[in-house]
């Protein structure tokens, strides 16, 4: 399956509580932290919800 690397590039200070929870659910804790996830509809929805806070790159296998 395809993988994506997600990096938190903007702080969650001042964001809505559901957006903060989504960032935490993705596994991002601090600014510039990175995680790799397999692409599925749930992950795509989470990325869409916080697209203004994260940077997404395609990860090669």
C-alpha atoms as a PDB file:
ATOM      1  CA  UNK A   1       0.000   0.000   0.000  1.00  0.00           C
ATOM      2  CA  UNK A   2       1.002   3.620  -0.470  1.00  0.00           C
ATOM      3  CA  UNK A   3       2.408   5.500   2.485  1.00  0.00           C
ATOM      4  CA  UNK A   4       2.495   9.191   3.365  1.00  0.00           C
ATOM      5  CA  UNK A   5       4.797  11.159   5.636  1.00  0.00           C
ATOM      6  CA  UNK A   6       2.941  13.780   7.668  1.00  0.00           C
ATOM      7  CA  UNK A   7       4.721  16.660   9.420  1.00  0.00           C
ATOM      8  CA  UNK A   8       3.169  19.153  11.835  1.00  0.00           C
ATOM      9  CA  UNK A   9       4.285  22.580  10.547  1.00  0.00           C
ATOM     10  CA  UNK A  10       1.895  24.914  12.387  1.00  0.00           C
ATOM     11  CA  UNK A  11       0.980  25.029  16.060  1.00  0.00           C
ATOM     12  CA  UNK A  12      -2.402  23.856  17.290  1.00  0.00           C
ATOM     13  CA  UNK A  13      -2.693  26.802  19.686  1.00  0.00           C
ATOM     14  CA  UNK A  14      -6.027  28.483  19.050  1.00  0.00           C
ATOM     15  CA  UNK A  15      -7.428  25.588  17.002  1.00  0.00           C
ATOM     16  CA  UNK A  16     -10.738  23.893  17.645  1.00  0.00           C
ATOM     17  CA  UNK A  17     -10.695  20.978  20.069  1.00  0.00           C
ATOM     18  CA  UNK A  18     -11.616  18.447  17.382  1.00  0.00           C
ATOM     19  CA  UNK A  19      -8.671  19.581  15.234  1.00  0.00           C
ATOM     20  CA  UNK A  20      -6.285  19.245  18.178  1.00  0.00           C
ATOM     21  CA  UNK A  21      -7.644  15.749  18.829  1.00  0.00           C
ATOM     22  CA  UNK A  22      -7.158  14.836  15.156  1.00  0.00           C
ATOM     23  CA  UNK A  23      -3.514  15.973  15.221  1.00  0.00           C
ATOM     24  CA  UNK A  24      -2.925  13.882  18.350  1.00  0.00           C
ATOM     25  CA  UNK A  25      -4.700  10.883  16.794  1.00  0.00           C
ATOM     26  CA  UNK A  26      -2.338  11.089  13.820  1.00  0.00           C
ATOM     27  CA  UNK A  27       0.530  10.688  16.298  1.00  0.00           C
ATOM     28  CA  UNK A  28       1.903  14.220  16.043  1.00  0.00           C
ATOM     29  CA  UNK A  29       2.978  15.677  19.367  1.00  0.00           C
ATOM     30  CA  UNK A  30       5.365  18.587  18.861  1.00  0.00           C
ATOM     31  CA  UNK A  31       5.958  21.072  16.087  1.00  0.00           C
ATOM     32  CA  UNK A  32       7.934  19.511  13.185  1.00  0.00           C
ATOM     33  CA  UNK A  33       7.290  15.982  14.428  1.00  0.00           C
ATOM     34  CA  UNK A  34       6.788  13.463  11.616  1.00  0.00           C
ATOM     35  CA  UNK A  35       4.874  10.207  11.259  1.00  0.00           C
ATOM     36  CA  UNK A  36       4.387   7.719   8.429  1.00  0.00           C
ATOM     37  CA  UNK A  37       0.951   6.182   7.816  1.00  0.00           C
ATOM     38  CA  UNK A  38      -0.482   3.872   5.195  1.00  0.00           C
ATOM     39  CA  UNK A  39      -3.064   5.619   3.045  1.00  0.00           C
ATOM     40  CA  UNK A  40      -6.673   4.678   3.763  1.00  0.00           C
ATOM     41  CA  UNK A  41      -9.929   6.651   3.820  1.00  0.00           C
ATOM     42  CA  UNK A  42      -9.694   7.340   7.562  1.00  0.00           C
ATOM     43  CA  UNK A  43      -6.183   8.812   7.321  1.00  0.00           C
ATOM     44  CA  UNK A  44      -7.162  10.839   4.244  1.00  0.00           C
ATOM     45  CA  UNK A  45     -10.099  12.330   6.160  1.00  0.00           C
ATOM     46  CA  UNK A  46      -7.903  13.206   9.123  1.00  0.00           C
ATOM     47  CA  UNK A  47      -5.356  14.888   6.855  1.00  0.00           C
ATOM     48  CA  UNK A  48      -8.129  16.864   5.126  1.00  0.00           C
ATOM     49  CA  UNK A  49      -9.452  18.082   8.477  1.00  0.00           C
ATOM     50  CA  UNK A  50      -6.079  19.556   9.536  1.00  0.00           C
ATOM     51  CA  UNK A  51      -4.596  20.299   6.100  1.00  0.00           C
ATOM     52  CA  UNK A  52      -3.762  23.870   7.179  1.00  0.00           C
ATOM     53  CA  UNK A  53      -1.530  22.555   9.997  1.00  0.00           C
ATOM     54  CA  UNK A  54       0.380  19.743   8.295  1.00  0.00           C
ATOM     55  CA  UNK A  55       2.649  19.046   5.337  1.00  0.00           C
ATOM     56  CA  UNK A  56       2.100  15.753   3.506  1.00  0.00           C
ATOM     57  CA  UNK A  57       4.609  13.945   1.280  1.00  0.00           C
ATOM     58  CA  UNK A  58       4.301  10.677  -0.583  1.00  0.00           C
ATOM     59  CA  UNK A  59       6.582   8.024   0.912  1.00  0.00           C
ATOM     60  CA  UNK A  60       8.295   5.565  -1.395  1.00  0.00           C
ATOM     61  CA  UNK A  61       8.338   1.891  -0.429  1.00  0.00           C
END
